[in-house]
Amino acid sequence: MAPRPANAASPCIGICRLDEPSGLCIGCYRTIQEIARWGSMGRDERARVFATLDGRRGTLQLAEAGLSGVGAVVAGDAAGAGEA
């Protein structure tokens, strides 16, 4: 996934379903909190979210492949996502 500019409308691609174990959307890789707050986020905060998306995508792909220990990485990433 190529980096998108922080002023992009949204990383949403219209595949909106949450992965329960990670709490991430399987389409855009954002948390529900990030999705809900997206419209009120500033440019810097959006840039921080965009910077995490490739890693989150890779983590979900590893989880789907059945590799263990992946959930802790995703949960740790998602836990810090609400910090400004």
N, C-alpha and C. Protein backbone atom coordinates (compact mmCIF):
# COMPACT_ATOMS: atom_id res chain seq x y z
N MET A 1 0.86 -1.17 0.00
CA MET A 1 0.00 0.00 0.00
C MET A 1 0.90 1.22 0.00
N ALA A 2 0.73 2.09 -0.96
CA ALA A 2 1.53 3.31 -1.02
C ALA A 2 1.04 4.32 0.00
N PRO A 3 1.96 5.10 0.57
CA PRO A 3 1.53 6.12 1.53
C PRO A 3 0.57 7.10 0.87
N ARG A 4 -0.43 7.49 1.61
CA ARG A 4 -1.38 8.47 1.11
C ARG A 4 -1.16 9.76 1.85
N PRO A 5 -1.40 10.88 1.19
CA PRO A 5 -1.22 12.16 1.87
C PRO A 5 -2.18 12.31 3.04
N ALA A 6 -1.73 12.99 4.09
CA ALA A 6 -2.54 13.15 5.29
C ALA A 6 -3.82 13.94 5.02
N ASN A 7 -3.85 14.71 3.94
CA ASN A 7 -5.05 15.48 3.65
C ASN A 7 -6.02 14.69 2.77
N ALA A 8 -5.71 13.42 2.50
CA ALA A 8 -6.63 12.57 1.74
C ALA A 8 -7.93 12.46 2.51
N ALA A 9 -9.02 12.32 1.78
CA ALA A 9 -10.33 12.28 2.42
C ALA A 9 -10.41 11.20 3.48
N SER A 10 -9.94 10.00 3.17
CA SER A 10 -10.03 8.89 4.10
C SER A 10 -9.32 7.68 3.50
N PRO A 11 -8.78 6.81 4.33
CA PRO A 11 -8.22 5.57 3.80
C PRO A 11 -9.29 4.52 3.50
N CYS A 12 -10.56 4.85 3.74
CA CYS A 12 -11.66 3.92 3.53
C CYS A 12 -11.72 3.50 2.06
N ILE A 13 -11.88 2.19 1.84
CA ILE A 13 -12.02 1.67 0.48
C ILE A 13 -13.38 1.01 0.28
N GLY A 14 -14.28 1.20 1.25
CA GLY A 14 -15.63 0.69 1.12
C GLY A 14 -15.80 -0.77 1.53
N ILE A 15 -14.79 -1.36 2.15
CA ILE A 15 -14.91 -2.71 2.69
C ILE A 15 -14.91 -2.53 4.20
N CYS A 16 -16.08 -2.39 4.76
CA CYS A 16 -16.21 -1.98 6.16
C CYS A 16 -16.67 -3.14 7.04
N ARG A 17 -15.69 -3.81 7.63
CA ARG A 17 -15.98 -4.91 8.55
C ARG A 17 -14.84 -4.98 9.56
N LEU A 18 -15.19 -5.05 10.84
CA LEU A 18 -14.17 -5.11 11.87
C LEU A 18 -13.70 -6.53 12.11
N ASP A 19 -12.40 -6.68 12.23
CA ASP A 19 -11.79 -7.93 12.66
C ASP A 19 -11.86 -7.93 14.17
N GLU A 20 -12.65 -8.83 14.74
CA GLU A 20 -12.89 -8.83 16.20
C GLU A 20 -11.62 -8.94 17.04
N PRO A 21 -10.72 -9.89 16.74
CA PRO A 21 -9.54 -10.01 17.60
C PRO A 21 -8.66 -8.76 17.64
N SER A 22 -8.50 -8.10 16.52
CA SER A 22 -7.61 -6.94 16.47
C SER A 22 -8.34 -5.62 16.70
N GLY A 23 -9.64 -5.58 16.40
CA GLY A 23 -10.38 -4.33 16.49
C GLY A 23 -10.14 -3.41 15.31
N LEU A 24 -9.59 -3.95 14.22
CA LEU A 24 -9.29 -3.15 13.03
C LEU A 24 -10.27 -3.45 11.91
N CYS A 25 -10.57 -2.44 11.12
CA CYS A 25 -11.37 -2.62 9.92
C CYS A 25 -10.52 -3.39 8.91
N ILE A 26 -11.08 -4.41 8.29
CA ILE A 26 -10.31 -5.20 7.33
C ILE A 26 -10.13 -4.48 5.99
N GLY A 27 -10.82 -3.39 5.78
CA GLY A 27 -10.67 -2.62 4.54
C GLY A 27 -9.64 -1.51 4.65
N CYS A 28 -9.72 -0.74 5.73
CA CYS A 28 -8.83 0.43 5.85
C CYS A 28 -7.82 0.31 6.98
N TYR A 29 -7.95 -0.73 7.82
CA TYR A 29 -7.01 -1.02 8.90
C TYR A 29 -7.01 0.02 10.03
N ARG A 30 -8.10 0.76 10.14
CA ARG A 30 -8.23 1.71 11.25
C ARG A 30 -9.06 1.08 12.36
N THR A 31 -8.89 1.61 13.58
CA THR A 31 -9.73 1.19 14.69
C THR A 31 -11.07 1.89 14.58
N ILE A 32 -12.05 1.40 15.31
CA ILE A 32 -13.36 2.04 15.30
C ILE A 32 -13.27 3.47 15.83
N GLN A 33 -12.39 3.68 16.80
CA GLN A 33 -12.20 5.02 17.35
C GLN A 33 -11.62 5.97 16.30
N GLU A 34 -10.67 5.48 15.52
CA GLU A 34 -10.09 6.31 14.46
C GLU A 34 -11.11 6.61 13.37
N ILE A 35 -11.92 5.63 13.02
CA ILE A 35 -12.95 5.84 12.02
C ILE A 35 -13.94 6.89 12.49
N ALA A 36 -14.37 6.77 13.74
CA ALA A 36 -15.35 7.71 14.29
C ALA A 36 -14.79 9.13 14.39
N ARG A 37 -13.52 9.26 14.70
CA ARG A 37 -12.91 10.58 14.91
C ARG A 37 -12.31 11.18 13.65
N TRP A 38 -12.27 10.45 12.56
CA TRP A 38 -11.54 10.88 11.37
C TRP A 38 -11.89 12.31 10.94
N GLY A 39 -13.15 12.65 10.92
CA GLY A 39 -13.57 13.97 10.47
C GLY A 39 -13.08 15.11 11.35
N SER A 40 -12.79 14.83 12.60
CA SER A 40 -12.33 15.88 13.50
C SER A 40 -10.82 15.84 13.74
N MET A 41 -10.13 14.87 13.14
CA MET A 41 -8.68 14.79 13.30
C MET A 41 -7.98 15.87 12.50
N GLY A 42 -6.91 16.38 13.06
CA GLY A 42 -6.08 17.33 12.33
C GLY A 42 -5.14 16.61 11.37
N ARG A 43 -4.46 17.39 10.57
CA ARG A 43 -3.55 16.85 9.55
C ARG A 43 -2.47 15.95 10.17
N ASP A 44 -1.86 16.37 11.27
CA ASP A 44 -0.79 15.59 11.89
C ASP A 44 -1.30 14.25 12.41
N GLU A 45 -2.47 14.27 13.04
CA GLU A 45 -3.02 13.03 13.58
C GLU A 45 -3.39 12.07 12.45
N ARG A 46 -3.95 12.59 11.37
CA ARG A 46 -4.26 11.74 10.22
C ARG A 46 -2.99 11.15 9.64
N ALA A 47 -1.93 11.95 9.57
CA ALA A 47 -0.66 11.46 9.05
C ALA A 47 -0.13 10.32 9.92
N ARG A 48 -0.28 10.43 11.25
CA ARG A 48 0.16 9.35 12.14
C ARG A 48 -0.63 8.07 11.89
N VAL A 49 -1.95 8.22 11.66
CA VAL A 49 -2.77 7.04 11.37
C VAL A 49 -2.33 6.42 10.04
N PHE A 50 -2.18 7.24 9.00
CA PHE A 50 -1.74 6.72 7.70
C PHE A 50 -0.42 5.97 7.83
N ALA A 51 0.48 6.47 8.69
CA ALA A 51 1.80 5.86 8.86
C ALA A 51 1.72 4.46 9.45
N THR A 52 0.64 4.12 10.12
CA THR A 52 0.50 2.81 10.75
C THR A 52 -0.19 1.78 9.87
N LEU A 53 -0.83 2.20 8.80
CA LEU A 53 -1.71 1.31 8.05
C LEU A 53 -1.01 0.13 7.40
N ASP A 54 0.16 0.33 6.80
CA ASP A 54 0.85 -0.80 6.17
C ASP A 54 1.22 -1.86 7.20
N GLY A 55 1.71 -1.44 8.34
CA GLY A 55 2.06 -2.40 9.39
C GLY A 55 0.85 -3.16 9.88
N ARG A 56 -0.25 -2.46 10.03
CA ARG A 56 -1.48 -3.12 10.48
C ARG A 56 -1.96 -4.12 9.45
N ARG A 57 -1.86 -3.76 8.17
CA ARG A 57 -2.28 -4.69 7.11
C ARG A 57 -1.45 -5.97 7.19
N GLY A 58 -0.14 -5.82 7.33
CA GLY A 58 0.74 -6.98 7.43
C GLY A 58 0.42 -7.83 8.64
N THR A 59 0.11 -7.17 9.76
CA THR A 59 -0.22 -7.89 10.98
C THR A 59 -1.50 -8.70 10.80
N LEU A 60 -2.51 -8.10 10.17
CA LEU A 60 -3.75 -8.85 9.94
C LEU A 60 -3.52 -10.02 8.99
N GLN A 61 -2.68 -9.84 7.99
CA GLN A 61 -2.40 -10.93 7.07
C GLN A 61 -1.70 -12.07 7.79
N LEU A 62 -0.77 -11.75 8.70
CA LEU A 62 -0.11 -12.78 9.50
C LEU A 62 -1.11 -13.50 10.38
N ALA A 63 -2.01 -12.75 10.98
CA ALA A 63 -3.04 -13.35 11.84
C ALA A 63 -3.92 -14.30 11.04
N GLU A 64 -4.29 -13.89 9.83
CA GLU A 64 -5.12 -14.74 8.98
C GLU A 64 -4.38 -16.02 8.60
N ALA A 65 -3.05 -15.94 8.52
CA ALA A 65 -2.25 -17.12 8.19
C ALA A 65 -2.09 -18.05 9.38
N GLY A 66 -2.57 -17.60 10.56
CA GLY A 66 -2.55 -18.44 11.74
C GLY A 66 -1.28 -18.37 12.56
N LEU A 67 -0.48 -17.32 12.37
CA LEU A 67 0.74 -17.18 13.15
C LEU A 67 0.40 -16.67 14.53
N SER A 68 1.02 -17.23 15.55
CA SER A 68 0.70 -16.86 16.93
C SER A 68 1.44 -15.60 17.34
N GLY A 69 0.94 -14.97 18.40
CA GLY A 69 1.58 -13.79 18.96
C GLY A 69 1.26 -12.51 18.23
N VAL A 70 0.46 -12.59 17.18
CA VAL A 70 0.17 -11.43 16.37
C VAL A 70 -0.80 -10.49 17.08
N GLY A 71 -1.76 -11.01 17.79
CA GLY A 71 -2.78 -10.18 18.42
C GLY A 71 -2.21 -9.14 19.37
N ALA A 72 -1.14 -9.47 20.08
CA ALA A 72 -0.55 -8.54 21.03
C ALA A 72 0.02 -7.33 20.32
N VAL A 73 0.61 -7.54 19.15
CA VAL A 73 1.16 -6.42 18.40
C VAL A 73 0.04 -5.49 17.94
N VAL A 74 -1.01 -6.07 17.41
CA VAL A 74 -2.13 -5.26 16.93
C VAL A 74 -2.80 -4.54 18.08
N ALA A 75 -3.03 -5.23 19.18
CA ALA A 75 -3.70 -4.60 20.32
C ALA A 75 -2.87 -3.46 20.86
N GLY A 76 -1.56 -3.62 20.92
CA GLY A 76 -0.69 -2.55 21.39
C GLY A 76 -0.73 -1.36 20.47
N ASP A 77 -0.76 -1.60 19.17
CA ASP A 77 -0.83 -0.53 18.19
C ASP A 77 -2.15 0.21 18.30
N ALA A 78 -3.23 -0.55 18.39
CA ALA A 78 -4.56 0.07 18.44
C ALA A 78 -4.76 0.83 19.75
N ALA A 79 -4.15 0.37 20.84
CA ALA A 79 -4.34 1.03 22.12
C ALA A 79 -3.78 2.45 22.10
N GLY A 80 -2.69 2.67 21.39
CA GLY A 80 -2.09 4.00 21.34
C GLY A 80 -2.68 4.89 20.27
N ALA A 81 -3.59 4.36 19.48
CA ALA A 81 -4.13 5.10 18.34
C ALA A 81 -4.96 6.31 18.76
N GLY A 82 -5.57 6.27 19.91
CA GLY A 82 -6.42 7.38 20.32
C GLY A 82 -5.66 8.55 20.90
N GLU A 83 -4.34 8.39 21.10
CA GLU A 83 -3.55 9.49 21.67
C GLU A 83 -3.30 10.55 20.62
N ALA A 84 -3.42 11.80 21.00
CA ALA A 84 -3.19 12.89 20.04
C ALA A 84 -1.77 13.35 20.05
